Amino acid sequence: MNNSRRYRKFEPQQKRIEELEKTNDRFRRVYFEYQTMSDELWNLETSEGASIPDDFINAVKLQTSYLEDEIEDWLLEESSED
């Protein structure tokens, strides 16, 4: 996997994410799920194997988007506490 592509959306907040992963079990689970879903989405969209139904890909995109929103909420909440 190309690490430069992975999770670029949250790259500027990486230090905050690492802190949250150490101190917040729920955040750690959500962020892990986001990483997993992002990887799966990348694999689905770039694989040359079997055809994947658009509905399935759209469902994975939607779930990934929900996870991104939840992560962003945590990062905003943490930033406002500083």
N, C-alpha and C. Protein backbone atom coordinates (compact mmCIF):
# COMPACT_ATOMS: atom_id res chain seq x y z
N MET A 1 0.85 -1.19 0.00
CA MET A 1 0.00 0.00 0.00
C MET A 1 0.88 1.23 0.00
N ASN A 2 0.49 2.19 -0.77
CA ASN A 2 1.22 3.44 -0.86
C ASN A 2 0.87 4.31 0.33
N ASN A 3 1.80 4.43 1.28
CA ASN A 3 1.53 5.17 2.51
C ASN A 3 1.29 6.65 2.28
N SER A 4 1.79 7.22 1.18
CA SER A 4 1.56 8.64 0.92
C SER A 4 0.11 8.92 0.57
N ARG A 5 -0.62 7.91 0.09
CA ARG A 5 -2.02 8.07 -0.27
C ARG A 5 -2.93 7.88 0.94
N ARG A 6 -2.48 7.11 1.89
CA ARG A 6 -3.35 6.69 2.98
C ARG A 6 -3.73 7.83 3.91
N TYR A 7 -5.03 8.00 4.07
CA TYR A 7 -5.59 8.87 5.11
C TYR A 7 -5.07 10.31 5.03
N ARG A 8 -4.81 10.78 3.82
CA ARG A 8 -4.28 12.14 3.65
C ARG A 8 -5.20 13.19 4.23
N LYS A 9 -6.48 12.90 4.23
CA LYS A 9 -7.43 13.88 4.73
C LYS A 9 -7.08 14.36 6.14
N PHE A 10 -6.57 13.47 6.96
CA PHE A 10 -6.28 13.81 8.36
C PHE A 10 -4.79 13.99 8.63
N GLU A 11 -3.99 14.05 7.61
CA GLU A 11 -2.54 14.17 7.80
C GLU A 11 -2.14 15.38 8.64
N PRO A 12 -2.73 16.55 8.42
CA PRO A 12 -2.34 17.72 9.25
C PRO A 12 -2.63 17.54 10.75
N GLN A 13 -3.58 16.70 11.08
CA GLN A 13 -3.95 16.47 12.48
C GLN A 13 -3.35 15.19 13.05
N GLN A 14 -2.33 14.65 12.41
CA GLN A 14 -1.80 13.35 12.80
C GLN A 14 -1.36 13.30 14.26
N LYS A 15 -0.75 14.35 14.74
CA LYS A 15 -0.31 14.37 16.14
C LYS A 15 -1.51 14.27 17.08
N ARG A 16 -2.56 15.02 16.79
CA ARG A 16 -3.79 14.98 17.61
C ARG A 16 -4.42 13.59 17.54
N ILE A 17 -4.41 12.99 16.36
CA ILE A 17 -4.97 11.64 16.19
C ILE A 17 -4.20 10.64 17.03
N GLU A 18 -2.89 10.73 17.01
CA GLU A 18 -2.07 9.81 17.82
C GLU A 18 -2.38 9.96 19.31
N GLU A 19 -2.58 11.19 19.76
CA GLU A 19 -2.93 11.43 21.16
C GLU A 19 -4.28 10.81 21.50
N LEU A 20 -5.25 11.02 20.61
CA LEU A 20 -6.58 10.47 20.85
C LEU A 20 -6.56 8.94 20.84
N GLU A 21 -5.78 8.37 19.96
CA GLU A 21 -5.69 6.91 19.90
C GLU A 21 -5.15 6.34 21.22
N LYS A 22 -4.28 7.08 21.86
CA LYS A 22 -3.71 6.62 23.14
C LYS A 22 -4.68 6.77 24.30
N THR A 23 -5.55 7.77 24.23
CA THR A 23 -6.37 8.10 25.38
C THR A 23 -7.85 7.77 25.24
N ASN A 24 -8.31 7.44 24.04
CA ASN A 24 -9.74 7.27 23.82
C ASN A 24 -9.98 5.97 23.04
N ASP A 25 -10.49 4.97 23.73
CA ASP A 25 -10.71 3.67 23.09
C ASP A 25 -11.72 3.76 21.94
N ARG A 26 -12.77 4.51 22.13
CA ARG A 26 -13.78 4.62 21.06
C ARG A 26 -13.18 5.30 19.83
N PHE A 27 -12.43 6.36 20.02
CA PHE A 27 -11.79 7.02 18.89
C PHE A 27 -10.87 6.05 18.16
N ARG A 28 -10.10 5.29 18.92
CA ARG A 28 -9.18 4.33 18.32
C ARG A 28 -9.94 3.33 17.44
N ARG A 29 -11.08 2.83 17.93
CA ARG A 29 -11.88 1.88 17.15
C ARG A 29 -12.44 2.54 15.89
N VAL A 30 -12.96 3.75 16.02
CA VAL A 30 -13.53 4.45 14.87
C VAL A 30 -12.46 4.76 13.84
N TYR A 31 -11.30 5.21 14.30
CA TYR A 31 -10.23 5.54 13.37
C TYR A 31 -9.70 4.28 12.67
N PHE A 32 -9.61 3.18 13.41
CA PHE A 32 -9.20 1.91 12.80
C PHE A 32 -10.20 1.48 11.73
N GLU A 33 -11.49 1.60 12.05
CA GLU A 33 -12.53 1.25 11.08
C GLU A 33 -12.43 2.15 9.85
N TYR A 34 -12.17 3.44 10.07
CA TYR A 34 -12.00 4.37 8.95
C TYR A 34 -10.83 3.95 8.07
N GLN A 35 -9.71 3.59 8.69
CA GLN A 35 -8.55 3.14 7.92
C GLN A 35 -8.89 1.89 7.11
N THR A 36 -9.57 0.95 7.75
CA THR A 36 -9.95 -0.29 7.08
C THR A 36 -10.89 -0.02 5.91
N MET A 37 -11.91 0.81 6.15
CA MET A 37 -12.87 1.12 5.09
C MET A 37 -12.20 1.89 3.95
N SER A 38 -11.30 2.80 4.27
CA SER A 38 -10.59 3.55 3.24
C SER A 38 -9.75 2.62 2.38
N ASP A 39 -9.06 1.69 3.03
CA ASP A 39 -8.26 0.72 2.29
C ASP A 39 -9.14 -0.14 1.39
N GLU A 40 -10.26 -0.61 1.94
CA GLU A 40 -11.18 -1.45 1.17
C GLU A 40 -11.76 -0.69 -0.01
N LEU A 41 -12.14 0.55 0.22
CA LEU A 41 -12.66 1.38 -0.87
C LEU A 41 -11.62 1.56 -1.97
N TRP A 42 -10.40 1.84 -1.57
CA TRP A 42 -9.30 1.97 -2.55
C TRP A 42 -9.16 0.68 -3.35
N ASN A 43 -9.17 -0.44 -2.66
CA ASN A 43 -9.03 -1.73 -3.34
C ASN A 43 -10.19 -2.00 -4.29
N LEU A 44 -11.40 -1.68 -3.86
CA LEU A 44 -12.57 -1.90 -4.72
C LEU A 44 -12.53 -1.03 -5.97
N GLU A 45 -12.12 0.21 -5.79
CA GLU A 45 -12.12 1.14 -6.91
C GLU A 45 -10.97 0.92 -7.89
N THR A 46 -9.91 0.29 -7.44
CA THR A 46 -8.74 0.13 -8.30
C THR A 46 -8.49 -1.30 -8.74
N SER A 47 -9.27 -2.24 -8.24
CA SER A 47 -9.05 -3.64 -8.61
C SER A 47 -9.52 -3.87 -10.05
N GLU A 48 -8.82 -4.77 -10.70
CA GLU A 48 -9.18 -5.11 -12.08
C GLU A 48 -9.83 -6.48 -12.14
N GLY A 49 -10.19 -7.01 -11.00
CA GLY A 49 -10.79 -8.34 -10.92
C GLY A 49 -12.28 -8.29 -11.24
N ALA A 50 -13.02 -9.00 -10.45
CA ALA A 50 -14.46 -9.12 -10.64
C ALA A 50 -15.15 -7.75 -10.54
N SER A 51 -16.23 -7.62 -11.26
CA SER A 51 -17.01 -6.39 -11.24
C SER A 51 -17.74 -6.27 -9.90
N ILE A 52 -17.63 -5.11 -9.29
CA ILE A 52 -18.27 -4.83 -8.01
C ILE A 52 -19.48 -3.93 -8.27
N PRO A 53 -20.66 -4.29 -7.76
CA PRO A 53 -21.84 -3.45 -7.98
C PRO A 53 -21.65 -2.03 -7.43
N ASP A 54 -22.12 -1.06 -8.18
CA ASP A 54 -22.03 0.33 -7.76
C ASP A 54 -22.70 0.57 -6.41
N ASP A 55 -23.80 -0.12 -6.15
CA ASP A 55 -24.50 0.05 -4.87
C ASP A 55 -23.60 -0.31 -3.70
N PHE A 56 -22.80 -1.35 -3.86
CA PHE A 56 -21.90 -1.77 -2.79
C PHE A 56 -20.81 -0.73 -2.58
N ILE A 57 -20.21 -0.27 -3.67
CA ILE A 57 -19.16 0.75 -3.58
C ILE A 57 -19.72 2.03 -2.96
N ASN A 58 -20.93 2.41 -3.35
CA ASN A 58 -21.55 3.61 -2.77
C ASN A 58 -21.81 3.44 -1.28
N ALA A 59 -22.18 2.24 -0.86
CA ALA A 59 -22.40 1.98 0.58
C ALA A 59 -21.09 2.11 1.35
N VAL A 60 -20.01 1.61 0.79
CA VAL A 60 -18.70 1.72 1.44
C VAL A 60 -18.29 3.19 1.51
N LYS A 61 -18.52 3.94 0.43
CA LYS A 61 -18.21 5.38 0.43
C LYS A 61 -19.01 6.11 1.50
N LEU A 62 -20.29 5.77 1.61
CA LEU A 62 -21.14 6.43 2.60
C LEU A 62 -20.67 6.13 4.02
N GLN A 63 -20.36 4.87 4.30
CA GLN A 63 -19.86 4.51 5.63
C GLN A 63 -18.54 5.21 5.93
N THR A 64 -17.66 5.27 4.95
CA THR A 64 -16.38 5.95 5.13
C THR A 64 -16.61 7.44 5.42
N SER A 65 -17.57 8.02 4.73
CA SER A 65 -17.90 9.44 4.94
C SER A 65 -18.42 9.67 6.36
N TYR A 66 -19.28 8.77 6.85
CA TYR A 66 -19.79 8.90 8.22
C TYR A 66 -18.64 8.82 9.24
N LEU A 67 -17.71 7.91 8.99
CA LEU A 67 -16.56 7.77 9.89
C LEU A 67 -15.69 9.03 9.85
N GLU A 68 -15.49 9.59 8.66
CA GLU A 68 -14.72 10.83 8.54
C GLU A 68 -15.38 11.94 9.33
N ASP A 69 -16.70 12.05 9.22
CA ASP A 69 -17.44 13.08 9.96
C ASP A 69 -17.25 12.91 11.47
N GLU A 70 -17.32 11.67 11.93
CA GLU A 70 -17.16 11.42 13.36
C GLU A 70 -15.75 11.78 13.83
N ILE A 71 -14.77 11.43 13.03
CA ILE A 71 -13.38 11.76 13.36
C ILE A 71 -13.20 13.27 13.37
N GLU A 72 -13.74 13.95 12.38
CA GLU A 72 -13.64 15.42 12.33
C GLU A 72 -14.28 16.05 13.55
N ASP A 73 -15.42 15.52 13.98
CA ASP A 73 -16.08 16.03 15.19
C ASP A 73 -15.16 15.90 16.40
N TRP A 74 -14.51 14.76 16.55
CA TRP A 74 -13.58 14.58 17.66
C TRP A 74 -12.42 15.57 17.57
N LEU A 75 -11.89 15.75 16.40
CA LEU A 75 -10.76 16.65 16.24
C LEU A 75 -11.16 18.09 16.53
N LEU A 76 -12.35 18.48 16.10
CA LEU A 76 -12.84 19.83 16.39
C LEU A 76 -13.09 20.01 17.88
N GLU A 77 -13.68 18.99 18.51
CA GLU A 77 -13.96 19.03 19.94
C GLU A 77 -12.66 19.16 20.72
N GLU A 78 -11.67 18.37 20.34
CA GLU A 78 -10.38 18.40 21.02
C GLU A 78 -9.70 19.76 20.82
N SER A 79 -9.83 20.33 19.62
CA SER A 79 -9.21 21.62 19.33
C SER A 79 -9.85 22.73 20.15
N SER A 80 -11.16 22.64 20.34
CA SER A 80 -11.85 23.69 21.09
C SER A 80 -11.54 23.63 22.58
N GLU A 81 -11.06 22.49 23.06
CA GLU A 81 -10.72 22.34 24.47
C GLU A 81 -9.33 22.92 24.78
N ASP A 82 -8.52 23.13 23.74
CA ASP A 82 -7.16 23.65 23.96
C ASP A 82 -7.16 25.11 24.35
